[in-house]
Protein backbone atom coordinates (compact mmCIF):
# COMPACT_ATOMS: atom_id res chain seq x y z
CA MET A 1 -31.31 -23.00 3.44
CA THR A 2 -31.26 -25.19 0.27
CA LEU A 3 -27.75 -27.05 -0.87
CA ASP A 4 -27.31 -24.86 -4.16
CA ARG A 5 -27.72 -22.14 -1.56
CA GLN A 6 -25.01 -23.31 0.06
CA PHE A 7 -22.85 -23.83 -2.47
CA GLN A 8 -23.08 -20.26 -3.75
CA ARG A 9 -22.41 -18.53 -1.07
CA ALA A 10 -19.13 -20.98 -0.58
CA ALA A 11 -18.23 -20.15 -3.71
CA VAL A 12 -18.41 -16.75 -3.75
CA VAL A 13 -14.53 -15.91 -2.23
CA HIS A 14 -13.56 -12.22 -2.36
CA PRO A 15 -9.61 -12.53 -3.70
CA GLU A 16 -8.31 -10.35 -0.95
CA ASP A 17 -9.92 -12.70 1.20
CA TRP A 18 -8.80 -15.47 0.12
CA ILE A 19 -6.46 -17.40 2.19
CA PRO A 20 -3.38 -20.43 1.12
CA TRP A 21 -4.13 -22.56 4.33
CA GLY A 22 -1.64 -25.28 2.39
CA ALA A 23 1.29 -22.66 1.81
CA MET A 24 0.42 -21.18 4.70
CA ALA A 25 0.16 -24.04 7.19
CA GLY A 26 4.13 -25.88 5.68
CA ILE A 27 5.24 -21.83 6.35
CA ILE A 28 4.40 -22.02 10.04
CA ALA A 29 5.29 -25.62 10.31
CA THR A 30 8.80 -25.33 8.68
CA VAL A 31 9.46 -22.22 11.15
CA THR A 32 8.00 -23.61 14.28
CA VAL A 33 10.14 -26.80 13.57
CA PHE A 34 13.44 -25.15 13.18
CA ALA A 35 12.65 -22.82 16.62
CA VAL A 36 12.20 -26.07 18.35
CA ALA A 37 15.65 -27.53 17.40
CA GLN A 38 17.24 -23.70 17.99
CA GLY A 39 15.12 -23.45 21.31
CA LEU A 40 16.89 -26.58 22.32
CA THR A 41 20.31 -25.58 21.34
CA TYR A 42 21.15 -22.31 23.44
CA PRO A 43 20.49 -24.50 26.87
CA LEU A 44 21.72 -27.57 25.78
CA LEU A 45 24.77 -26.11 25.05
CA SER A 46 25.13 -23.49 27.78
CA PHE A 47 24.35 -26.80 30.30
CA ILE A 48 27.41 -29.35 28.91
CA LEU A 49 30.06 -26.33 29.12
CA GLU A 50 29.03 -25.15 32.34
CA ARG A 51 29.48 -29.05 33.66
CA ARG A 52 33.13 -28.95 31.95
CA GLY A 53 33.93 -26.00 34.34
CA THR A 54 34.04 -22.82 31.60
CA THR A 55 33.31 -19.70 33.01
CA PRO A 56 30.48 -17.86 32.63
CA GLY A 57 31.86 -15.27 30.49
CA LEU A 58 33.25 -17.88 27.83
CA ILE A 59 29.68 -19.03 27.86
CA GLY A 60 28.09 -15.92 27.16
CA VAL A 61 30.83 -15.64 24.08
CA SER A 62 29.85 -18.64 23.05
CA ALA A 63 25.98 -17.99 22.87
CA ALA A 64 26.81 -14.57 21.06
CA MET A 65 27.91 -16.28 18.28
CA THR A 66 24.58 -17.69 16.98
CA PRO A 67 23.58 -14.36 16.54
CA LEU A 68 26.69 -13.11 15.30
CA GLY A 69 25.92 -15.36 12.00
CA PHE A 70 22.30 -13.34 11.76
CA ILE A 71 24.26 -10.13 11.54
CA VAL A 72 26.95 -11.45 8.93
CA SER A 73 25.01 -13.21 6.94
CA ALA A 74 21.53 -11.29 6.72
CA PRO A 75 23.27 -8.26 4.00
CA PHE A 76 23.28 -11.68 1.62
CA LEU A 77 20.64 -13.06 2.12
CA PRO A 78 18.32 -11.27 -0.74
CA ALA A 79 20.82 -11.35 -3.55
CA LEU A 80 20.85 -15.15 -2.60
CA ALA A 81 17.04 -15.57 -2.75
CA ARG A 82 16.79 -14.12 -6.59
CA ARG A 83 19.88 -16.05 -7.83
CA VAL A 84 19.41 -20.06 -5.78
CA GLY A 85 15.62 -19.70 -5.41
CA GLY A 86 13.77 -19.20 -1.96
CA ALA A 87 12.59 -23.01 -1.20
CA GLN A 88 15.94 -24.46 -2.51
CA LEU A 89 17.80 -21.87 -0.56
CA ALA A 90 15.68 -23.22 2.55
CA ILE A 91 16.34 -26.70 2.14
CA LEU A 92 19.85 -26.23 1.68
CA CYS A 93 20.03 -24.17 4.78
CA SER A 94 18.01 -26.71 7.23
CA VAL A 95 20.94 -29.77 5.40
CA LEU A 96 23.83 -27.98 6.54
CA ALA A 97 21.97 -26.40 9.98
CA ALA A 98 21.69 -30.59 10.84
CA LEU A 99 25.17 -31.30 9.24
CA THR A 100 26.27 -28.27 11.37
CA LEU A 101 24.58 -29.64 14.62
CA ILE A 102 26.64 -33.54 14.43
CA ALA A 103 29.95 -31.29 13.42
CA ILE A 104 28.93 -29.74 17.28
CA ALA A 105 27.44 -33.50 18.84
CA TRP A 106 31.24 -34.56 17.53
CA THR A 107 33.37 -32.66 19.23
CA GLU A 108 33.63 -30.99 22.16
CA ASP A 109 36.19 -28.09 22.44
CA VAL A 110 34.71 -25.16 23.39
CA TRP A 111 37.01 -23.01 20.78
CA ALA A 112 35.82 -25.23 18.27
CA TRP A 113 31.82 -24.83 19.12
CA MET A 114 32.17 -20.83 18.21
CA PRO A 115 32.57 -21.25 14.58
CA LEU A 116 29.95 -23.60 14.48
CA ARG A 117 27.39 -21.75 16.59
CA PHE A 118 28.30 -18.74 14.28
CA LEU A 119 27.92 -20.88 10.86
CA LEU A 120 24.64 -22.13 12.91
CA GLY A 121 23.21 -18.91 13.06
CA VAL A 122 24.48 -18.39 9.16
CA PHE A 123 22.17 -21.25 7.97
CA ALA A 124 19.34 -20.41 10.71
CA ASN A 125 18.84 -16.73 9.56
CA PRO A 126 17.27 -17.56 6.46
CA LEU A 127 14.83 -20.25 7.33
CA TYR A 128 13.08 -17.08 9.31
CA VAL A 129 13.88 -14.36 6.52
CA LEU A 130 12.33 -16.65 3.81
CA SER A 131 8.81 -17.80 5.96
CA GLU A 132 8.74 -14.24 7.23
CA THR A 133 8.92 -13.01 3.63
CA TRP A 134 6.43 -15.88 2.04
CA LEU A 135 4.12 -15.35 4.86
CA ILE A 136 3.53 -11.41 4.34
CA SER A 137 3.06 -12.41 0.59
CA ILE A 138 0.08 -14.29 0.68
CA THR A 139 -1.52 -13.12 4.11
CA PRO A 140 -4.81 -11.37 2.73
CA ALA A 141 -4.12 -7.81 4.29
CA PRO A 142 -8.05 -7.67 6.34
CA ARG A 143 -6.41 -10.76 7.97
CA ARG A 144 -2.70 -9.82 8.07
CA GLY A 145 -2.61 -9.23 11.90
CA ARG A 146 -4.81 -12.37 13.10
CA ILE A 147 -2.25 -14.53 10.72
CA MET A 148 1.08 -12.42 12.11
CA GLY A 149 -0.22 -12.92 15.56
CA LEU A 150 -0.47 -16.95 15.12
CA TYR A 151 3.00 -16.96 13.54
CA SER A 152 4.44 -15.75 16.45
CA SER A 153 2.36 -17.56 18.84
CA ILE A 154 3.26 -20.89 17.35
CA VAL A 155 7.23 -19.54 16.54
CA SER A 156 7.03 -18.48 20.46
CA GLY A 157 5.98 -22.13 21.58
CA GLY A 158 8.22 -23.94 19.42
CA PHE A 159 11.29 -21.98 20.95
CA ALA A 160 9.49 -22.61 24.95
CA ILE A 161 9.28 -26.82 23.51
CA GLY A 162 12.82 -26.74 22.88
CA PRO A 163 14.01 -26.86 26.46
CA LEU A 164 11.00 -28.67 28.08
CA SER A 165 12.53 -31.45 26.11
CA LEU A 166 15.57 -31.43 27.64
CA GLY A 167 13.36 -33.01 30.39
CA LEU A 168 12.37 -35.80 28.80
CA VAL A 169 15.80 -36.50 27.37
CA GLY A 170 18.27 -34.92 29.69
CA THR A 171 21.25 -32.84 28.44
CA HIS A 172 24.02 -35.80 28.65
CA GLY A 173 25.08 -38.01 25.28
CA LEU A 174 23.42 -37.78 21.59
CA PRO A 175 19.51 -37.79 22.59
CA PRO A 176 19.16 -34.17 22.93
CA PHE A 177 21.41 -33.50 19.87
CA VAL A 178 19.39 -35.95 17.69
CA ILE A 179 16.26 -34.06 18.60
CA GLY A 180 17.52 -30.97 17.21
CA ILE A 181 18.91 -32.96 14.11
CA VAL A 182 15.80 -34.61 12.79
CA ALA A 183 14.27 -31.02 13.78
CA PHE A 184 17.01 -29.62 11.01
CA LEU A 185 16.50 -32.15 8.60
CA LEU A 186 12.22 -32.44 8.81
CA CYS A 187 12.17 -29.11 8.04
CA GLY A 188 13.73 -29.46 4.74
CA LEU A 189 11.41 -31.65 4.16
CA ILE A 190 8.20 -29.86 5.22
CA VAL A 191 9.13 -27.45 2.33
CA LEU A 192 9.69 -30.00 0.22
CA ALA A 193 6.51 -30.83 0.37
CA VAL A 194 5.00 -27.42 -0.37
CA VAL A 195 7.50 -26.30 -3.01
CA PRO A 196 4.33 -26.21 -5.65
CA ARG A 197 2.03 -24.25 -2.96
CA LEU A 198 4.85 -21.85 -2.41
CA PRO A 199 4.97 -18.37 -3.91
CA LYS A 200 7.71 -17.17 -6.16
CA MET A 201 10.36 -15.00 -4.60
CA PRO A 202 9.29 -11.37 -5.23
CA HIS A 203 11.15 -9.64 -8.26
CA ASP A 204 9.23 -6.70 -9.17
CA GLY A 205 10.07 -3.58 -7.75
CA GLU A 206 13.46 -1.18 -7.11
CA VAL A 207 16.30 -4.11 -6.05
CA THR A 208 16.97 -2.57 -2.04
CA SER A 209 19.97 -3.61 -0.37
CA VAL A 210 20.10 -4.49 3.64
CA GLY A 211 21.80 -0.90 4.27
CA GLY A 212 19.34 0.88 1.76
CA PHE A 213 16.47 -0.29 4.17
CA PHE A 214 17.58 1.56 7.33
CA ALA A 215 16.88 4.73 5.29
CA LEU A 216 13.21 3.31 4.47
CA ALA A 217 12.11 2.29 8.00
CA PRO A 218 14.22 3.76 10.87
CA LEU A 219 11.57 3.32 13.24
CA LEU A 220 10.48 -0.16 12.08
CA LEU A 221 14.35 -1.54 12.82
CA PHE A 222 14.30 0.20 15.83
CA ALA A 223 10.98 -1.17 17.34
CA VAL A 224 12.53 -4.72 16.00
CA PHE A 225 16.12 -3.95 18.12
CA THR A 226 14.05 -2.77 21.36
CA ALA A 227 11.75 -6.18 21.28
CA ALA A 228 15.13 -8.21 20.63
CA ALA A 229 16.84 -6.41 23.35
CA PHE A 230 13.68 -7.01 25.59
CA GLU A 231 13.34 -10.23 25.07
CA GLN A 232 17.55 -11.59 24.97
CA ILE A 233 18.00 -9.48 28.81
CA LEU A 234 15.24 -10.52 30.47
CA LEU A 235 16.14 -14.15 29.60
CA SER A 236 19.81 -13.74 30.27
CA LEU A 237 19.43 -11.54 33.29
CA PHE A 238 15.86 -11.88 34.87
CA ALA A 239 17.69 -15.03 37.14
CA VAL A 240 20.45 -12.32 38.38
CA TYR A 241 17.51 -9.72 38.94
CA GLY A 242 15.58 -12.36 41.19
CA ALA A 243 18.96 -13.94 43.12
CA THR A 244 19.58 -10.39 44.47
CA LEU A 245 16.31 -10.04 45.71
CA GLY A 246 16.62 -13.64 47.11
CA SER A 247 13.96 -14.76 45.11
CA ALA A 248 14.74 -19.05 44.87
CA GLU A 249 15.99 -20.42 41.52
CA GLU A 250 12.74 -22.73 41.22
CA ARG A 251 10.47 -19.27 41.07
CA ILE A 252 12.99 -17.23 38.63
CA ALA A 253 12.00 -19.95 36.59
CA SER A 254 8.84 -20.61 36.78
CA LEU A 255 8.09 -16.72 35.82
CA ILE A 256 10.42 -16.48 32.81
CA THR A 257 7.92 -19.80 31.89
CA CYS A 258 4.93 -16.66 32.81
CA PHE A 259 7.04 -14.99 30.18
CA ILE A 260 7.39 -16.99 27.38
CA ALA A 261 3.85 -18.26 27.66
CA GLY A 262 2.78 -14.89 27.75
CA ASN A 263 5.00 -14.48 24.75
CA ALA A 264 2.72 -17.52 23.00
CA VAL A 265 -0.34 -16.80 24.41
CA LEU A 266 -1.51 -13.05 23.60
CA GLN A 267 0.00 -12.65 19.76
CA ILE A 268 -3.31 -13.66 18.23
CA LEU A 269 -4.75 -11.36 20.60
CA LEU A 270 -2.57 -8.62 20.04
CA GLY A 271 -3.33 -9.04 16.24
CA ARG A 272 -6.59 -8.87 16.21
CA VAL A 273 -6.25 -5.34 17.96
CA ALA A 274 -3.80 -4.16 15.62
CA GLU A 275 -6.69 -5.21 12.49
CA GLN A 276 -9.22 -3.13 14.59
CA PHE A 277 -7.15 -0.30 15.34
CA GLY A 278 -4.04 0.05 13.39
CA SER A 279 -1.20 -1.69 14.12
CA THR A 280 0.91 1.41 15.12
CA ARG A 281 -1.32 2.30 17.77
CA THR A 282 -1.53 -1.01 18.96
CA MET A 283 2.48 -1.16 18.68
CA LEU A 284 2.07 1.99 20.97
CA LEU A 285 -0.02 0.21 23.50
CA CYS A 286 2.37 -2.57 23.63
CA SER A 287 5.48 -0.32 24.37
CA LEU A 288 3.33 1.44 26.89
CA ALA A 289 2.43 -1.55 29.08
CA SER A 290 5.97 -3.40 28.63
CA LEU A 291 7.05 0.50 29.90
CA ALA A 292 4.99 0.50 32.70
CA GLY A 293 5.81 -3.34 33.39
CA CYS A 294 9.00 -2.08 34.31
CA LEU A 295 8.06 0.91 36.46
CA LEU A 296 6.30 -1.69 38.65
CA LEU A 297 8.48 -4.46 38.50
CA PRO A 298 10.58 -3.29 41.72
CA SER A 299 7.39 -2.82 43.40
CA ILE A 300 5.86 -5.76 42.98
CA PHE A 301 8.57 -8.54 42.75
CA ASN A 302 7.94 -10.06 46.08
CA THR A 303 3.73 -10.11 45.57
CA TRP A 304 1.17 -12.20 43.64
CA LEU A 305 0.98 -9.20 41.18
CA ILE A 306 4.42 -10.20 39.73
CA TRP A 307 2.49 -13.72 37.79
CA PRO A 308 -0.36 -11.43 35.59
CA LEU A 309 2.74 -8.37 35.17
CA VAL A 310 5.51 -11.56 33.79
CA PHE A 311 2.73 -13.15 31.87
CA VAL A 312 1.76 -10.13 30.22
CA TRP A 313 4.91 -8.46 29.64
CA GLY A 314 6.04 -11.63 27.63
CA GLY A 315 2.86 -10.29 25.37
CA VAL A 316 3.53 -7.09 25.02
CA SER A 317 6.98 -7.02 24.44
CA PHE A 318 7.26 -9.27 22.11
CA GLY A 319 4.02 -7.82 20.41
CA ILE A 320 6.26 -5.40 19.22
CA TYR A 321 7.79 -7.08 17.27
CA THR A 322 4.68 -8.82 15.82
CA MET A 323 3.59 -5.23 14.78
CA THR A 324 6.65 -4.63 13.21
CA LEU A 325 5.82 -7.74 11.10
CA ILE A 326 2.56 -6.60 9.97
CA GLN A 327 3.89 -2.88 9.30
CA LEU A 328 6.52 -4.37 6.98
CA GLY A 329 3.58 -6.75 4.96
CA GLU A 330 1.68 -2.87 4.82
CA ARG A 331 4.06 -0.68 4.02
CA PHE A 332 6.43 -2.94 1.68
CA THR A 333 6.14 -5.40 -1.48
CA GLY A 334 8.55 -7.11 -3.98
CA GLN A 335 12.42 -7.21 -3.16
CA ILE A 336 12.36 -4.76 -0.69
CA LEU A 337 9.87 -7.38 1.56
CA ILE A 338 12.79 -9.06 1.37
CA ALA A 339 15.47 -6.88 2.12
CA GLY A 340 12.91 -5.67 5.03
CA ASN A 341 13.08 -8.92 6.42
CA ALA A 342 17.05 -9.69 6.37
CA ALA A 343 17.50 -6.16 7.66
CA PHE A 344 14.98 -7.16 10.78
CA ALA A 345 17.51 -10.48 10.92
CA LEU A 346 20.10 -8.00 11.40
CA VAL A 347 19.16 -6.02 14.09
CA TRP A 348 17.52 -8.44 15.60
CA GLY A 349 20.73 -10.11 16.28
CA ILE A 350 22.36 -6.31 17.42
CA GLY A 351 19.41 -6.25 20.10
CA GLY A 352 20.11 -10.03 21.07
CA ILE A 353 24.61 -9.24 21.02
CA VAL A 354 24.34 -5.49 22.64
CA GLY A 355 21.20 -5.96 24.79
CA SER A 356 22.15 -8.24 27.78
CA PRO A 357 26.13 -6.70 27.91
CA ALA A 358 24.40 -3.31 28.69
CA THR A 359 22.36 -4.10 31.23
CA GLY A 360 24.73 -6.42 32.56
CA LEU A 361 27.08 -2.78 32.91
CA ALA A 362 24.09 -1.14 34.27
CA MET A 363 23.53 -3.91 37.11
CA GLN A 364 27.70 -3.39 37.17
CA LEU A 365 27.17 0.69 38.20
CA ILE A 366 23.34 1.26 40.08
CA GLY A 367 23.13 -2.61 41.48
CA HIS A 368 19.92 -4.67 40.43
CA GLN A 369 17.54 -1.94 39.38
CA GLY A 370 19.71 -1.78 36.67
CA LEU A 371 17.82 -3.87 34.70
CA PRO A 372 13.97 -2.66 34.78
CA SER A 373 16.04 0.96 34.18
CA THR A 374 17.63 -0.04 30.68
CA LEU A 375 14.10 -1.90 30.04
CA GLY A 376 12.12 1.41 30.87
CA LEU A 377 14.67 3.28 28.72
CA LEU A 378 14.33 1.02 25.26
CA CYS A 379 10.49 1.41 25.47
CA CYS A 380 10.89 5.03 26.46
CA VAL A 381 12.41 5.98 23.95
CA LEU A 382 10.49 4.01 21.41
CA THR A 383 7.15 5.26 22.85
CA VAL A 384 8.55 8.73 22.33
CA LEU A 385 9.53 8.11 18.87
CA LEU A 386 6.25 6.66 18.17
CA MET A 387 4.54 9.57 18.89
CA ALA A 388 6.50 11.74 17.08
CA GLY A 389 5.86 9.74 14.19
CA ARG A 390 2.03 9.86 14.88
CA GLN A 391 2.35 13.60 15.24
CA GLN A 392 4.30 13.97 11.84
CA VAL A 393 1.78 11.94 10.30
CA LYS A 394 -1.31 13.85 11.96
CA THR A 395 0.97 17.09 10.64
CA GLU A 396 1.07 15.63 6.80
CA ILE A 397 -2.48 14.55 6.85
CA VAL A 398 -4.24 17.91 8.75
CA LYS A 399 -1.92 20.48 6.77
CA PRO A 400 -3.18 19.88 3.16
CA LEU A 401 -6.90 19.21 4.76
CA GLY A 402 -6.76 22.75 6.40
CA ASP A 403 -5.23 24.04 3.29
CA GLY A 404 -7.89 22.93 1.38
CA LEU A 405 -10.78 23.92 3.90
CA LEU A 406 -9.66 27.08 3.76
CA ARG A 407 -9.53 26.88 0.07
CA LEU A 408 -12.64 25.40 0.03
CA LEU A 409 -14.68 28.25 2.43
CA GLY A 410 -12.59 31.17 0.59
CA ARG A 411 -14.32 29.93 -2.64
CA LEU A 412 -17.47 29.85 -1.27
CA ASP A 413 -17.23 33.68 0.30
CA THR A 414 -16.43 34.34 -3.08
CA LEU A 415 -19.81 32.96 -4.31
CA ALA A 416 -21.52 34.25 -1.44
CA THR A 417 -20.51 37.47 -2.44
CA ARG A 418 -21.20 37.07 -6.25
CA TRP A 419 -24.30 35.91 -4.95
CA ARG A 420 -25.02 39.62 -3.26
CA ILE A 421 -23.82 41.48 -5.72
CA TRP A 422 -26.45 39.61 -8.65
CA GLY A 423 -29.08 40.16 -6.86
CA GLY A 424 -28.38 43.52 -5.82
CA SER A 425 -28.07 44.00 -9.51
CA LEU A 426 -31.42 42.47 -9.71
CA ALA A 427 -33.07 44.98 -7.31
CA ILE A 428 -31.47 47.79 -9.11
CA ARG A 429 -32.69 47.10 -12.68
CA GLY A 430 -36.23 46.46 -11.42
CA GLU A 431 -35.70 50.39 -9.68
CA ILE A 432 -33.95 51.75 -13.46
CA ASP A 433 -37.40 49.40 -15.41
CA ASP A 434 -39.64 51.33 -13.33
CA LEU A 435 -37.82 54.99 -14.41
CA SER A 436 -39.16 56.49 -17.56
CA GLU A 437 -37.25 58.28 -20.54
CA GLY A 438 -36.32 61.66 -19.29
CA GLN A 439 -35.66 60.59 -15.57
CA LEU A 440 -33.09 57.79 -17.21
CA LEU A 441 -31.67 60.80 -18.97
CA GLU A 442 -31.16 63.44 -16.62
CA LEU A 443 -29.11 60.17 -14.59
CA GLY A 444 -26.98 59.70 -17.86
CA ILE A 445 -28.41 56.72 -18.59
CA GLY A 446 -29.25 55.06 -21.83
CA ARG A 447 -32.07 52.33 -22.17
CA VAL A 448 -30.93 50.16 -25.57
CA ALA A 449 -33.42 47.84 -27.29
CA ARG A 450 -31.38 45.04 -28.23
CA ARG A 451 -32.46 43.24 -31.97
CA GLU A 452 -31.98 39.62 -32.82
CA ARG A 453 -31.19 39.09 -36.57
CA TRP A 454 -32.51 35.96 -37.66
CA LEU A 455 -31.24 33.95 -40.72
CA ASP A 456 -33.75 34.99 -43.28
CA GLY A 457 -32.01 38.92 -42.65
CA SER A 458 -35.03 40.13 -40.66
CA GLU A 459 -34.97 41.30 -37.12
CA THR A 460 -36.87 41.37 -34.19
CA TRP A 461 -36.91 43.25 -31.24
CA LEU A 462 -37.15 41.37 -28.14
CA PRO A 463 -39.21 41.53 -25.13
CA MET A 464 -38.56 43.86 -22.13
CA ASP A 465 -36.14 41.56 -20.33
CA TYR A 466 -33.46 42.04 -22.54
CA ILE A 467 -33.26 45.55 -22.54
CA GLU A 468 -29.52 47.28 -21.97
CA TYR A 469 -28.68 50.23 -20.01
CA ARG A 470 -25.85 52.07 -21.11
CA ILE A 471 -24.15 55.05 -18.64
CA HIS A 472 -23.30 58.02 -20.31
CA PRO A 473 -22.29 60.64 -17.67
CA GLU A 474 -21.69 63.12 -20.39
CA GLY A 475 -25.10 63.59 -21.22
CA SER A 476 -26.27 63.77 -17.74
CA SER A 477 -28.06 66.58 -16.85
CA GLY A 478 -25.96 67.26 -13.98
CA GLY A 479 -29.31 67.41 -11.80
CA GLY A 480 -28.00 65.84 -8.36
CA PRO A 481 -28.39 67.28 -4.59
């Protein structure tokens, strides 16, 4: 192949396949660095509160302030993004998140930390909503599965790096806080660097509120709730479940790490599967696999099979959320897309707050099996709803197709009937043509020759094929059988 042909092939890029890699890299880098900072704050602040003798219940309440900030801020994000601008809002929130973490490092009062952690959730939420909106907007449909899978994998890796960094700098003093503060500020710098490449916030389409989006995609939002609750429940209560079964803390920590690793590694593969078989089918597969894991967990927890189970579990449980992002991009555009991402953030916060207390209550009532039972119930409900939704889609598609097919068959039957009548008429015409005038008179049939009048006034008798026959019952001689 010549160099000119190579250049020609390289220049042929279909618009639907073109990927703005610069903007995409900036968006993913921004949210990944932010995930590192947020992933660091959860265990860091919990370790500090535990050293101070804070009760576990109060530690849990303090940790719930961040997802509460997600919930409260979500309804305001679409309007803020339209008024302030997406890039400006992201940069502002990065700086405010850094200042909030500075305030947390400065004070040592657990009660002062609660409103500060709430503000941390308020300022973190726009980064996720805006980054996902940008990414969905610029991702070509044929590659949406792989790219959203890559996004989910890298963000999950960022959350995992946060806690691991504590092993390098420890949990005492200012160094861990410095890492988080620098990460927050770095987010703003990355956004500032890629502002010219970022897509504008969509202003087309009907303005939809976060509450209005609930009516548009309730099943999609329940899938987000399931993914959020599943992750939060397992990360917060899996240690309790394992301790009840006599497992060592080191083994439980390693299993949780394996869960997070599966979360990060398998998203690209699931995205590719979604491109081949559809996001709805892949979401159903993830839900069924998660349900199977819940059923198998009690019997294989103390065997080596728990390791591949937890790895796959981490991938398919978070894969549910990856599929919701893919479906969001497939089904919605414009301002509804912003409202949808904000609704996702709100429901994710609700799932994070509601899931763990509800499962903890179940474990108090029925023992340690309350954890797989609660997770299994969530996955079972989602599976049933997805299968019901697929059946409804099938009904909506098959019924019109069936009606159309019946109409087509009816028309074909009518044409066949007319063909048979026409064929019979030709046969009868042939028999009548062979009859004499006397025989026609006996049957009450008159033979009429057609004439054609020309423009000059002359008339011409037409050939035999143009003769008409008229029935005159009154002229029949009645010579019947």
